[in-house]
Amino acid sequence: MRAMVLEKARKPLRIAELPDPVPDSGQVLISVHACGVCRTDLHIFDGELTEPKLPLVPGHQIVGNVVEAGEGAERFMVGDRVGVPWLGWTCGECRYCLSDHENLCDRSRFTGYDIDGGYAELAVADERFCFPIAEGYSDEQAAPLLCAGLIGYRALRLVGEAERIGFYGFGASAHILCQVAVHQGRRVFAFTREGDEEAQAFARQLGAEWAGSSEETPPEELDGAIVFAAVGALMPAALRASAKGARVISAGIHMSDIPTFPYEILWGERMLGSVANLTRRDGEEFLELAPQVPVRTEVRAYALEEANTALNDLQAGRFRGAAVLTVDPD
C-alpha cells in the first residue's frame, strides 16, 4: 500500500510502499477514503509529543470501508463505512476503564501515534473503537468529526451549562462546535488571531454573535470558555474575560506554558481544566447529534501525497475549517 511515513521528528513525511496490514483478532482492515489532518499531527511532527512509534503512519480521523475482519471481529460487515478516532485501544481493567473514564487509561494506545494511522491506503483498527458514519456525510466531510468534533464535544460538555461561551482559536474544532453550541441555545463569542477578519466573519456566519481578536475584551462576561489554540497565555486571558463560576477548558493535547497570573482572576470559583482524549460514549453521542444539528464541516482537500503541504498550511493558517487527505487507491 501507499503511505506517508514519519521517520523522524521535524523531517518531512515520505511517500512509501508498505506491506498491506493484516487484521489481528478483534480488528478490521479498512480501505481508507479520507483522513483528517489534525493539529495533534503537527505536535507529533514537531516533536512536541515525544513518544510516537517510529517509523509512523500518522492520521487519526479515518473514514473508509471495512474490507476484511480478523478473527472474532463481528461488529461490522465487509463494506460497512466506519470512522476511526484518536483513541485506538484501552486495557478495560484499570480503575479508569472500570469507572467510565477510559480516556484516562494508563495503558491506552492511540491511532496515528502508537498505532499506524490513516495517511495510507489501508489501516487496521480495533473494531470496538470504530464508529459507523451517518449516510448524510461524504467521506471528506465526515473525517473532521472524528477528532475536531469528538474532542471539541468533550470540551463542550466540560464547560457545563455555560450560556455565554468563548472559543479561543477558530479552526477545525471550533467551527464544528460553534454549530453545536448554537443548536443548544448557547451564545458563542469567537476569538481569533489579531487581524484575522476572515476567521471572524466565518465565525459569525456559523452563528457566533460576536467575533474579535483574542486581545479584545468581549462585550459581556463569559460563563465558560474553550481554548483550542495551543497558546498557554490564552488561559489567563479567558479567565479575565469570564464571570464568577466559569470553567475554562483547554481542548489541546499540547500547549505552551501558561504564564503566572494573579489569583484574583481565578477567585470566585472559576476553574481551569483540560480535555484528555475521548471515550466511546463521547463518540456515540456526538456522531448521533451531528446529523441532527446538522453539523456542516468546511474542508480543504489534499491528495495523500500532499500531506506535507497540508501540515504546512495548517501550521500557517492558510485555510478555514479543516484539512483532509483524500485517498484514491491505485
C-alpha atoms as a PDB file:
ATOM      1  CA  MET A   1       0.000   0.000   0.000  1.00  0.00           C
ATOM      2  CA  ARG A   2       0.978   3.637  -0.435  1.00  0.00           C
ATOM      3  CA  ALA A   3       1.514   5.528   2.808  1.00  0.00           C
ATOM      4  CA  MET A   4       3.029   8.757   4.097  1.00  0.00           C
ATOM      5  CA  VAL A   5       5.592   7.880   6.752  1.00  0.00           C
ATOM      6  CA  LEU A   6       7.176   9.930   9.538  1.00  0.00           C
ATOM      7  CA  GLU A   7      10.655   8.616  10.258  1.00  0.00           C
ATOM      8  CA  LYS A   8      11.983  11.407  12.476  1.00  0.00           C
ATOM      9  CA  ALA A   9      10.501  14.495  14.094  1.00  0.00           C
ATOM     10  CA  ARG A  10      10.727  17.690  12.041  1.00  0.00           C
ATOM     11  CA  LYS A  11      11.621  15.735   8.907  1.00  0.00           C
ATOM     12  CA  PRO A  12       9.125  15.762   6.001  1.00  0.00           C
ATOM     13  CA  LEU A  13       6.923  12.715   5.642  1.00  0.00           C
ATOM     14  CA  ARG A  14       7.997  10.438   2.823  1.00  0.00           C
ATOM     15  CA  ILE A  15       5.799   8.504   0.413  1.00  0.00           C
ATOM     16  CA  ALA A  16       6.446   4.778   0.792  1.00  0.00           C
ATOM     17  CA  GLU A  17       5.201   1.419  -0.414  1.00  0.00           C
ATOM     18  CA  LEU A  18       4.467  -0.685   2.666  1.00  0.00           C
ATOM     19  CA  PRO A  19       3.163  -4.239   3.058  1.00  0.00           C
ATOM     20  CA  ASP A  20      -0.613  -4.375   3.355  1.00  0.00           C
ATOM     21  CA  PRO A  21      -1.544  -4.625   7.050  1.00  0.00           C
ATOM     22  CA  VAL A  22      -3.318  -7.762   8.252  1.00  0.00           C
ATOM     23  CA  PRO A  23      -6.119  -7.506  10.834  1.00  0.00           C
ATOM     24  CA  ASP A  24      -5.411  -9.293  14.103  1.00  0.00           C
ATOM     25  CA  SER A  25      -8.046 -10.811  16.380  1.00  0.00           C
ATOM     26  CA  GLY A  26     -10.810  -8.279  17.022  1.00  0.00           C
ATOM     27  CA  GLN A  27      -9.556  -5.906  14.342  1.00  0.00           C
ATOM     28  CA  VAL A  28     -10.894  -4.774  10.986  1.00  0.00           C
ATOM     29  CA  LEU A  29      -8.969  -3.853   7.875  1.00  0.00           C
ATOM     30  CA  ILE A  30     -10.183  -0.570   6.379  1.00  0.00           C
ATOM     31  CA  SER A  31      -9.777   0.813   2.883  1.00  0.00           C
ATOM     32  CA  VAL A  32      -9.094   4.458   3.710  1.00  0.00           C
ATOM     33  CA  HIS A  33     -11.027   7.026   1.685  1.00  0.00           C
ATOM     34  CA  ALA A  34     -10.257  10.148   3.724  1.00  0.00           C
ATOM     35  CA  CYS A  35      -8.215  11.110   6.766  1.00  0.00           C
ATOM     36  CA  GLY A  36      -8.370  14.431   8.585  1.00  0.00           C
ATOM     37  CA  VAL A  37      -5.187  16.386   9.250  1.00  0.00           C
ATOM     38  CA  CYS A  38      -5.162  17.426  12.892  1.00  0.00           C
ATOM     39  CA  ARG A  39      -3.121  19.841  14.976  1.00  0.00           C
ATOM     40  CA  THR A  40      -2.134  16.804  17.046  1.00  0.00           C
ATOM     41  CA  ASP A  41      -0.406  15.505  13.909  1.00  0.00           C
ATOM     42  CA  LEU A  42       1.573  18.760  13.896  1.00  0.00           C
ATOM     43  CA  HIS A  43       2.581  18.266  17.525  1.00  0.00           C
ATOM     44  CA  ILE A  44       3.833  14.770  16.630  1.00  0.00           C
ATOM     45  CA  PHE A  45       5.616  16.058  13.531  1.00  0.00           C
ATOM     46  CA  ASP A  46       7.251  18.885  15.514  1.00  0.00           C
ATOM     47  CA  GLY A  47       8.413  16.538  18.291  1.00  0.00           C
ATOM     48  CA  GLU A  48       6.231  18.176  20.945  1.00  0.00           C
ATOM     49  CA  LEU A  49       4.591  14.811  21.600  1.00  0.00           C
ATOM     50  CA  THR A  50       7.721  12.869  22.281  1.00  0.00           C
ATOM     51  CA  GLU A  51       6.952   9.141  22.245  1.00  0.00           C
ATOM     52  CA  PRO A  52       5.413   8.135  18.908  1.00  0.00           C
ATOM     53  CA  LYS A  53       6.320   4.798  17.431  1.00  0.00           C
ATOM     54  CA  LEU A  54       8.763   5.420  14.614  1.00  0.00           C
ATOM     55  CA  PRO A  55       8.555   4.966  11.728  1.00  0.00           C
ATOM     56  CA  LEU A  56       4.921   6.017  11.925  1.00  0.00           C
ATOM     57  CA  VAL A  57       1.980   6.400   9.562  1.00  0.00           C
ATOM     58  CA  PRO A  58       0.162   9.406  11.127  1.00  0.00           C
ATOM     59  CA  GLY A  59      -3.531  10.218  10.983  1.00  0.00           C
ATOM     60  CA  HIS A  60      -6.384   9.573  13.407  1.00  0.00           C
ATOM     61  CA  GLN A  61      -9.512  10.899  11.694  1.00  0.00           C
ATOM     62  CA  ILE A  62     -10.025   7.951   9.345  1.00  0.00           C
ATOM     63  CA  VAL A  63     -13.064   7.259   7.186  1.00  0.00           C
ATOM     64  CA  GLY A  64     -13.263   4.187   4.982  1.00  0.00           C
ATOM     65  CA  ASN A  65     -14.912   0.855   4.288  1.00  0.00           C
ATOM     66  CA  VAL A  66     -14.259  -2.444   6.027  1.00  0.00           C
ATOM     67  CA  VAL A  67     -12.623  -4.861   3.593  1.00  0.00           C
ATOM     68  CA  GLU A  68     -11.684  -7.679   5.973  1.00  0.00           C
ATOM     69  CA  ALA A  69     -12.365  -8.747   9.558  1.00  0.00           C
ATOM     70  CA  GLY A  70      -9.945 -10.509  11.868  1.00  0.00           C
ATOM     71  CA  GLU A  71     -10.860 -13.486  13.996  1.00  0.00           C
ATOM     72  CA  GLY A  72     -13.721 -12.691  16.353  1.00  0.00           C
ATOM     73  CA  ALA A  73     -14.462  -9.291  14.815  1.00  0.00           C
ATOM     74  CA  GLU A  74     -18.216  -9.244  14.276  1.00  0.00           C
ATOM     75  CA  ARG A  75     -19.427  -5.655  14.822  1.00  0.00           C
ATOM     76  CA  PHE A  76     -19.127  -4.661  11.164  1.00  0.00           C
ATOM     77  CA  MET A  77     -19.766  -6.323   7.844  1.00  0.00           C
ATOM     78  CA  VAL A  78     -17.434  -6.108   4.865  1.00  0.00           C
ATOM     79  CA  GLY A  79     -18.448  -2.945   3.012  1.00  0.00           C
ATOM     80  CA  ASP A  80     -19.610  -1.024   6.100  1.00  0.00           C
ATOM     81  CA  ARG A  81     -18.350   2.552   6.305  1.00  0.00           C
ATOM     82  CA  VAL A  82     -16.627   3.314   9.600  1.00  0.00           C
ATOM     83  CA  GLY A  83     -14.676   6.069  11.292  1.00  0.00           C
ATOM     84  CA  VAL A  84     -11.566   5.607  13.414  1.00  0.00           C
ATOM     85  CA  PRO A  85     -10.706   8.185  16.115  1.00  0.00           C
ATOM     86  CA  TRP A  86      -7.624   9.057  18.193  1.00  0.00           C
ATOM     87  CA  LEU A  87      -8.391   6.565  20.987  1.00  0.00           C
ATOM     88  CA  GLY A  88      -7.445   3.218  19.499  1.00  0.00           C
ATOM     89  CA  TRP A  89      -7.265   0.782  22.425  1.00  0.00           C
ATOM     90  CA  THR A  90      -7.693   0.642  26.202  1.00  0.00           C
ATOM     91  CA  CYS A  91      -6.972  -2.112  28.697  1.00  0.00           C
ATOM     92  CA  GLY A  92     -10.506  -2.364  30.117  1.00  0.00           C
ATOM     93  CA  GLU A  93      -9.050  -3.367  33.503  1.00  0.00           C
ATOM     94  CA  CYS A  94      -7.606  -0.295  35.222  1.00  0.00           C
ATOM     95  CA  ARG A  95      -9.514   1.952  37.638  1.00  0.00           C
ATOM     96  CA  TYR A  96     -10.118   4.491  34.884  1.00  0.00           C
ATOM     97  CA  CYS A  97     -11.572   1.980  32.450  1.00  0.00           C
ATOM     98  CA  LEU A  98     -13.749   0.496  35.183  1.00  0.00           C
ATOM     99  CA  SER A  99     -15.132   3.907  36.220  1.00  0.00           C
ATOM    100  CA  ASP A 100     -16.282   5.210  32.811  1.00  0.00           C
ATOM    101  CA  HIS A 101     -13.043   7.184  32.299  1.00  0.00           C
ATOM    102  CA  GLU A 102     -11.369   5.071  29.632  1.00  0.00           C
ATOM    103  CA  ASN A 103      -9.945   8.252  28.114  1.00  0.00           C
ATOM    104  CA  LEU A 104      -7.519   8.298  31.071  1.00  0.00           C
ATOM    105  CA  CYS A 105      -6.407   4.649  30.775  1.00  0.00           C
ATOM    106  CA  ASP A 106      -2.718   4.399  31.689  1.00  0.00           C
ATOM    107  CA  ARG A 107      -2.137   1.753  29.005  1.00  0.00           C
ATOM    108  CA  SER A 108      -4.166   3.366  26.233  1.00  0.00           C
ATOM    109  CA  ARG A 109      -2.895   3.324  22.668  1.00  0.00           C
ATOM    110  CA  PHE A 110      -3.626   5.991  20.097  1.00  0.00           C
ATOM    111  CA  THR A 111      -4.259   5.904  16.367  1.00  0.00           C
ATOM    112  CA  GLY A 112      -1.552   7.642  14.367  1.00  0.00           C
ATOM    113  CA  TYR A 113       0.775   7.669  17.398  1.00  0.00           C
ATOM    114  CA  ASP A 114       1.135   4.184  18.902  1.00  0.00           C
ATOM    115  CA  ILE A 115      -0.763   2.526  16.034  1.00  0.00           C
ATOM    116  CA  ASP A 116      -0.239   3.281  12.341  1.00  0.00           C
ATOM    117  CA  GLY A 117      -2.968   5.620  11.167  1.00  0.00           C
ATOM    118  CA  GLY A 118      -4.788   6.824   8.099  1.00  0.00           C
ATOM    119  CA  TYR A 119      -2.226   8.631   5.958  1.00  0.00           C
ATOM    120  CA  ALA A 120      -2.330   5.472   3.870  1.00  0.00           C
ATOM    121  CA  GLU A 121      -4.477   3.382   1.557  1.00  0.00           C
ATOM    122  CA  LEU A 122      -5.188   0.802   4.272  1.00  0.00           C
ATOM    123  CA  ALA A 123      -5.383   0.795   8.058  1.00  0.00           C
ATOM    124  CA  VAL A 124      -6.238  -1.708  10.771  1.00  0.00           C
ATOM    125  CA  ALA A 125      -8.252  -0.775  13.845  1.00  0.00           C
ATOM    126  CA  ASP A 126      -9.765  -2.429  16.905  1.00  0.00           C
ATOM    127  CA  GLU A 127     -13.423  -2.792  15.946  1.00  0.00           C
ATOM    128  CA  ARG A 128     -14.505  -1.728  19.459  1.00  0.00           C
ATOM    129  CA  PHE A 129     -13.081   1.727  18.785  1.00  0.00           C
ATOM    130  CA  CYS A 130     -14.649   2.250  15.371  1.00  0.00           C
ATOM    131  CA  PHE A 131     -17.883   4.143  14.752  1.00  0.00           C
ATOM    132  CA  PRO A 132     -20.479   3.836  11.984  1.00  0.00           C
ATOM    133  CA  ILE A 133     -20.705   7.021   9.886  1.00  0.00           C
ATOM    134  CA  ALA A 134     -24.068   8.611   9.082  1.00  0.00           C
ATOM    135  CA  GLU A 135     -25.093   8.435   5.433  1.00  0.00           C
ATOM    136  CA  GLY A 136     -25.581  12.179   5.065  1.00  0.00           C
ATOM    137  CA  TYR A 137     -21.837  12.898   5.192  1.00  0.00           C
ATOM    138  CA  SER A 138     -19.313  12.419   2.421  1.00  0.00           C
ATOM    139  CA  ASP A 139     -16.042  10.786   3.441  1.00  0.00           C
ATOM    140  CA  GLU A 140     -14.246  14.152   3.381  1.00  0.00           C
ATOM    141  CA  GLN A 141     -16.971  15.895   5.383  1.00  0.00           C
ATOM    142  CA  ALA A 142     -17.094  13.117   7.981  1.00  0.00           C
ATOM    143  CA  ALA A 143     -13.357  12.920   8.706  1.00  0.00           C
ATOM    144  CA  PRO A 144     -13.076  16.077  10.890  1.00  0.00           C
ATOM    145  CA  LEU A 145     -15.926  14.870  13.083  1.00  0.00           C
ATOM    146  CA  LEU A 146     -13.667  12.106  14.421  1.00  0.00           C
ATOM    147  CA  CYS A 147     -11.293  14.350  16.384  1.00  0.00           C
ATOM    148  CA  ALA A 148     -12.028  18.032  15.840  1.00  0.00           C
ATOM    149  CA  GLY A 149     -15.647  17.153  16.527  1.00  0.00           C
ATOM    150  CA  LEU A 150     -15.243  14.494  19.222  1.00  0.00           C
ATOM    151  CA  ILE A 151     -12.603  16.248  21.333  1.00  0.00           C
ATOM    152  CA  GLY A 152     -14.445  19.535  20.943  1.00  0.00           C
ATOM    153  CA  TYR A 153     -17.677  17.877  22.052  1.00  0.00           C
ATOM    154  CA  ARG A 154     -15.999  16.538  25.195  1.00  0.00           C
ATOM    155  CA  ALA A 155     -14.643  20.034  25.918  1.00  0.00           C
ATOM    156  CA  LEU A 156     -18.125  21.476  25.434  1.00  0.00           C
ATOM    157  CA  ARG A 157     -19.509  19.007  27.967  1.00  0.00           C
ATOM    158  CA  LEU A 158     -16.840  20.048  30.467  1.00  0.00           C
ATOM    159  CA  VAL A 159     -17.837  23.730  30.385  1.00  0.00           C
ATOM    160  CA  GLY A 160     -21.162  22.647  31.817  1.00  0.00           C
ATOM    161  CA  GLU A 161     -24.289  24.694  31.217  1.00  0.00           C
ATOM    162  CA  ALA A 162     -22.453  27.860  30.162  1.00  0.00           C
ATOM    163  CA  GLU A 163     -24.755  30.108  28.121  1.00  0.00           C
ATOM    164  CA  ARG A 164     -22.166  32.711  27.054  1.00  0.00           C
ATOM    165  CA  ILE A 165     -19.253  30.644  25.799  1.00  0.00           C
ATOM    166  CA  GLY A 166     -15.939  31.826  24.368  1.00  0.00           C
ATOM    167  CA  PHE A 167     -13.964  29.910  21.748  1.00  0.00           C
ATOM    168  CA  TYR A 168     -10.290  30.909  21.645  1.00  0.00           C
ATOM    169  CA  GLY A 169      -8.916  29.889  18.249  1.00  0.00           C
ATOM    170  CA  PHE A 170     -11.373  29.333  15.427  1.00  0.00           C
ATOM    171  CA  GLY A 171     -10.105  26.386  13.427  1.00  0.00           C
ATOM    172  CA  ALA A 172     -11.300  22.860  12.678  1.00  0.00           C
ATOM    173  CA  SER A 173     -12.731  22.096  16.111  1.00  0.00           C
ATOM    174  CA  ALA A 174     -14.274  25.489  16.868  1.00  0.00           C
ATOM    175  CA  HIS A 175     -16.054  25.703  13.514  1.00  0.00           C
ATOM    176  CA  ILE A 176     -17.807  22.408  14.324  1.00  0.00           C
ATOM    177  CA  LEU A 177     -18.545  23.191  17.974  1.00  0.00           C
ATOM    178  CA  CYS A 178     -19.878  26.637  17.164  1.00  0.00           C
ATOM    179  CA  GLN A 179     -22.699  24.968  15.250  1.00  0.00           C
ATOM    180  CA  VAL A 180     -23.386  22.547  18.108  1.00  0.00           C
ATOM    181  CA  ALA A 181     -23.371  25.278  20.760  1.00  0.00           C
ATOM    182  CA  VAL A 182     -25.765  27.482  18.784  1.00  0.00           C
ATOM    183  CA  HIS A 183     -28.019  24.463  18.249  1.00  0.00           C
ATOM    184  CA  GLN A 184     -28.054  24.001  22.034  1.00  0.00           C
ATOM    185  CA  GLY A 185     -29.140  27.601  22.560  1.00  0.00           C
ATOM    186  CA  ARG A 186     -25.785  28.912  23.739  1.00  0.00           C
ATOM    187  CA  ARG A 187     -24.326  32.282  22.755  1.00  0.00           C
ATOM    188  CA  VAL A 188     -20.894  31.994  21.118  1.00  0.00           C
ATOM    189  CA  PHE A 189     -18.123  34.594  21.339  1.00  0.00           C
ATOM    190  CA  ALA A 190     -15.250  33.788  18.958  1.00  0.00           C
ATOM    191  CA  PHE A 191     -11.645  34.887  19.483  1.00  0.00           C
ATOM    192  CA  THR A 192      -9.127  34.723  16.628  1.00  0.00           C
ATOM    193  CA  ARG A 193      -5.633  35.870  15.786  1.00  0.00           C
ATOM    194  CA  GLU A 194      -5.360  39.640  15.680  1.00  0.00           C
ATOM    195  CA  GLY A 195      -6.450  40.994  12.303  1.00  0.00           C
ATOM    196  CA  ASP A 196      -7.900  37.699  11.063  1.00  0.00           C
ATOM    197  CA  GLU A 197     -11.078  39.226   9.719  1.00  0.00           C
ATOM    198  CA  GLU A 198     -11.792  36.216   7.501  1.00  0.00           C
ATOM    199  CA  ALA A 199     -11.915  33.868  10.511  1.00  0.00           C
ATOM    200  CA  GLN A 200     -14.084  36.345  12.406  1.00  0.00           C
ATOM    201  CA  ALA A 201     -16.517  36.590   9.508  1.00  0.00           C
ATOM    202  CA  PHE A 202     -16.551  32.782   9.273  1.00  0.00           C
ATOM    203  CA  ALA A 203     -17.436  32.541  12.973  1.00  0.00           C
ATOM    204  CA  ARG A 204     -20.306  34.982  12.606  1.00  0.00           C
ATOM    205  CA  GLN A 205     -21.500  33.067   9.546  1.00  0.00           C
ATOM    206  CA  LEU A 206     -21.705  29.918  11.691  1.00  0.00           C
ATOM    207  CA  GLY A 207     -23.752  31.632  14.386  1.00  0.00           C
ATOM    208  CA  ALA A 208     -21.306  33.417  16.701  1.00  0.00           C
ATOM    209  CA  GLU A 209     -22.908  36.628  17.896  1.00  0.00           C
ATOM    210  CA  TRP A 210     -19.538  38.342  18.417  1.00  0.00           C
ATOM    211  CA  ALA A 211     -16.092  37.756  16.928  1.00  0.00           C
ATOM    212  CA  GLY A 212     -12.866  39.597  17.601  1.00  0.00           C
ATOM    213  CA  SER A 213      -9.201  39.296  18.458  1.00  0.00           C
ATOM    214  CA  SER A 214      -8.034  37.252  21.445  1.00  0.00           C
ATOM    215  CA  GLU A 215      -6.549  40.540  22.665  1.00  0.00           C
ATOM    216  CA  GLU A 216     -10.011  42.063  22.950  1.00  0.00           C
ATOM    217  CA  THR A 217     -12.489  42.038  25.803  1.00  0.00           C
ATOM    218  CA  PRO A 218     -15.856  40.591  24.770  1.00  0.00           C
ATOM    219  CA  PRO A 219     -18.958  42.762  25.166  1.00  0.00           C
ATOM    220  CA  GLU A 220     -20.211  40.523  28.003  1.00  0.00           C
ATOM    221  CA  GLU A 221     -18.586  38.289  30.591  1.00  0.00           C
ATOM    222  CA  LEU A 222     -18.286  34.636  29.618  1.00  0.00           C
ATOM    223  CA  ASP A 223     -19.869  31.777  31.551  1.00  0.00           C
ATOM    224  CA  GLY A 224     -17.319  29.369  30.109  1.00  0.00           C
ATOM    225  CA  ALA A 225     -14.560  29.168  27.526  1.00  0.00           C
ATOM    226  CA  ILE A 226     -12.743  26.573  25.447  1.00  0.00           C
ATOM    227  CA  VAL A 227      -9.171  27.307  24.404  1.00  0.00           C
ATOM    228  CA  PHE A 228      -8.499  25.475  21.145  1.00  0.00           C
ATOM    229  CA  ALA A 229      -5.249  27.264  20.274  1.00  0.00           C
ATOM    230  CA  ALA A 230      -2.080  25.763  21.798  1.00  0.00           C
ATOM    231  CA  VAL A 231      -1.151  29.080  23.414  1.00  0.00           C
ATOM    232  CA  GLY A 232      -0.826  28.998  27.185  1.00  0.00           C
ATOM    233  CA  ALA A 233      -1.297  32.764  27.534  1.00  0.00           C
ATOM    234  CA  LEU A 234      -4.896  32.371  26.356  1.00  0.00           C
ATOM    235  CA  MET A 235      -5.868  30.537  29.553  1.00  0.00           C
ATOM    236  CA  PRO A 236      -5.470  33.577  31.844  1.00  0.00           C
ATOM    237  CA  ALA A 237      -6.894  35.753  29.049  1.00  0.00           C
ATOM    238  CA  ALA A 238     -10.037  33.620  29.096  1.00  0.00           C
ATOM    239  CA  LEU A 239     -10.171  33.802  32.889  1.00  0.00           C
ATOM    240  CA  ARG A 240     -10.065  37.595  32.731  1.00  0.00           C
ATOM    241  CA  ALA A 241     -12.992  37.559  30.301  1.00  0.00           C
ATOM    242  CA  SER A 242     -15.036  35.193  32.472  1.00  0.00           C
ATOM    243  CA  ALA A 243     -17.709  35.650  35.103  1.00  0.00           C
ATOM    244  CA  LYS A 244     -17.582  34.036  38.539  1.00  0.00           C
ATOM    245  CA  GLY A 245     -18.182  30.297  38.395  1.00  0.00           C
ATOM    246  CA  ALA A 246     -16.930  29.985  34.807  1.00  0.00           C
ATOM    247  CA  ARG A 247     -14.997  26.965  33.587  1.00  0.00           C
ATOM    248  CA  VAL A 248     -12.077  27.493  31.186  1.00  0.00           C
ATOM    249  CA  ILE A 249     -11.106  24.298  29.362  1.00  0.00           C
ATOM    250  CA  SER A 250      -8.033  23.605  27.257  1.00  0.00           C
ATOM    251  CA  ALA A 251      -9.011  21.350  24.350  1.00  0.00           C
ATOM    252  CA  GLY A 252      -5.471  20.665  23.163  1.00  0.00           C
ATOM    253  CA  ILE A 253      -3.182  17.715  23.787  1.00  0.00           C
ATOM    254  CA  HIS A 254      -0.214  20.104  23.917  1.00  0.00           C
ATOM    255  CA  MET A 255       0.060  23.742  24.957  1.00  0.00           C
ATOM    256  CA  SER A 256       2.835  26.230  25.564  1.00  0.00           C
ATOM    257  CA  ASP A 257       3.439  27.092  29.217  1.00  0.00           C
ATOM    258  CA  ILE A 258       0.690  29.008  30.990  1.00  0.00           C
ATOM    259  CA  PRO A 259       2.186  32.227  32.381  1.00  0.00           C
ATOM    260  CA  THR A 260       1.754  33.187  36.010  1.00  0.00           C
ATOM    261  CA  PHE A 261      -1.358  35.186  36.761  1.00  0.00           C
ATOM    262  CA  PRO A 262      -2.889  36.863  39.812  1.00  0.00           C
ATOM    263  CA  TYR A 263      -5.154  34.774  41.989  1.00  0.00           C
ATOM    264  CA  GLU A 264      -7.904  37.387  41.723  1.00  0.00           C
ATOM    265  CA  ILE A 265      -8.779  36.305  38.169  1.00  0.00           C
ATOM    266  CA  LEU A 266      -9.230  32.699  39.330  1.00  0.00           C
ATOM    267  CA  TRP A 267     -11.088  33.558  42.529  1.00  0.00           C
ATOM    268  CA  GLY A 268     -14.862  33.392  42.502  1.00  0.00           C
ATOM    269  CA  GLU A 269     -14.961  29.653  41.843  1.00  0.00           C
ATOM    270  CA  ARG A 270     -13.642  29.993  38.334  1.00  0.00           C
ATOM    271  CA  MET A 271     -11.979  26.753  37.216  1.00  0.00           C
ATOM    272  CA  LEU A 272      -9.219  25.779  34.802  1.00  0.00           C
ATOM    273  CA  GLY A 273      -9.332  22.331  33.233  1.00  0.00           C
ATOM    274  CA  SER A 274      -8.227  20.201  30.320  1.00  0.00           C
ATOM    275  CA  VAL A 275      -9.572  17.550  27.997  1.00  0.00           C
ATOM    276  CA  ALA A 276      -7.713  14.274  27.625  1.00  0.00           C
ATOM    277  CA  ASN A 277      -8.643  12.124  24.640  1.00  0.00           C
ATOM    278  CA  LEU A 278     -12.229  10.857  24.304  1.00  0.00           C
ATOM    279  CA  THR A 279     -14.426   7.964  25.318  1.00  0.00           C
ATOM    280  CA  ARG A 280     -16.537   5.742  23.117  1.00  0.00           C
ATOM    281  CA  ARG A 281     -19.563   7.269  24.793  1.00  0.00           C
ATOM    282  CA  ASP A 282     -18.438  10.712  23.546  1.00  0.00           C
ATOM    283  CA  GLY A 283     -18.190   9.298  20.034  1.00  0.00           C
ATOM    284  CA  GLU A 284     -21.578   7.645  20.089  1.00  0.00           C
ATOM    285  CA  GLU A 285     -23.307  10.748  21.476  1.00  0.00           C
ATOM    286  CA  PHE A 286     -21.637  13.240  19.168  1.00  0.00           C
ATOM    287  CA  LEU A 287     -21.993  11.216  15.964  1.00  0.00           C
ATOM    288  CA  GLU A 288     -25.694  10.817  16.737  1.00  0.00           C
ATOM    289  CA  LEU A 289     -26.056  14.543  17.450  1.00  0.00           C
ATOM    290  CA  ALA A 290     -24.092  15.870  14.461  1.00  0.00           C
ATOM    291  CA  PRO A 291     -26.701  14.990  11.789  1.00  0.00           C
ATOM    292  CA  GLN A 292     -29.452  16.475  13.948  1.00  0.00           C
ATOM    293  CA  VAL A 293     -27.819  19.937  14.133  1.00  0.00           C
ATOM    294  CA  PRO A 294     -26.881  19.364  11.281  1.00  0.00           C
ATOM    295  CA  VAL A 295     -23.137  19.991  11.577  1.00  0.00           C
ATOM    296  CA  ARG A 296     -21.576  21.005   8.272  1.00  0.00           C
ATOM    297  CA  THR A 297     -17.800  20.752   8.038  1.00  0.00           C
ATOM    298  CA  GLU A 298     -15.801  23.034   5.771  1.00  0.00           C
ATOM    299  CA  VAL A 299     -12.789  21.168   4.415  1.00  0.00           C
ATOM    300  CA  ARG A 300      -9.727  21.797   2.275  1.00  0.00           C
ATOM    301  CA  ALA A 301      -8.927  18.569   0.441  1.00  0.00           C
ATOM    302  CA  TYR A 302      -5.392  17.404  -0.337  1.00  0.00           C
ATOM    303  CA  ALA A 303      -4.187  14.267  -2.091  1.00  0.00           C
ATOM    304  CA  LEU A 304      -2.405  11.703   0.081  1.00  0.00           C
ATOM    305  CA  GLU A 305       0.947  12.688  -1.396  1.00  0.00           C
ATOM    306  CA  GLU A 306       0.313  16.308  -0.373  1.00  0.00           C
ATOM    307  CA  ALA A 307       0.344  15.531   3.355  1.00  0.00           C
ATOM    308  CA  ASN A 308       3.400  17.729   3.980  1.00  0.00           C
ATOM    309  CA  THR A 309       1.711  20.644   2.232  1.00  0.00           C
ATOM    310  CA  ALA A 310      -1.429  20.107   4.312  1.00  0.00           C
ATOM    311  CA  LEU A 311       0.584  20.166   7.543  1.00  0.00           C
ATOM    312  CA  ASN A 312       2.421  23.312   6.468  1.00  0.00           C
ATOM    313  CA  ASP A 313      -0.823  25.028   5.510  1.00  0.00           C
ATOM    314  CA  LEU A 314      -2.386  24.055   8.836  1.00  0.00           C
ATOM    315  CA  GLN A 315       0.595  25.485  10.700  1.00  0.00           C
ATOM    316  CA  ALA A 316       0.363  28.738   8.760  1.00  0.00           C
ATOM    317  CA  GLY A 317      -3.429  29.041   8.988  1.00  0.00           C
ATOM    318  CA  ARG A 318      -3.869  29.130   5.208  1.00  0.00           C
ATOM    319  CA  PHE A 319      -7.409  27.761   5.176  1.00  0.00           C
ATOM    320  CA  ARG A 320     -10.536  27.898   7.275  1.00  0.00           C
ATOM    321  CA  GLY A 321     -12.203  24.807   8.682  1.00  0.00           C
ATOM    322  CA  ALA A 322     -10.333  21.503   8.430  1.00  0.00           C
ATOM    323  CA  ALA A 323      -7.752  19.856   6.164  1.00  0.00           C
ATOM    324  CA  VAL A 324      -8.474  16.361   4.855  1.00  0.00           C
ATOM    325  CA  LEU A 325      -6.347  13.937   2.857  1.00  0.00           C
ATOM    326  CA  THR A 326      -8.252  12.070   0.189  1.00  0.00           C
ATOM    327  CA  VAL A 327      -7.042   8.614  -0.775  1.00  0.00           C
ATOM    328  CA  ASP A 328      -7.582   7.232  -4.262  1.00  0.00           C
ATOM    329  CA  PRO A 329      -6.414   3.622  -4.492  1.00  0.00           C
ATOM    330  CA  ASP A 330      -4.243   2.753  -7.487  1.00  0.00           C
END
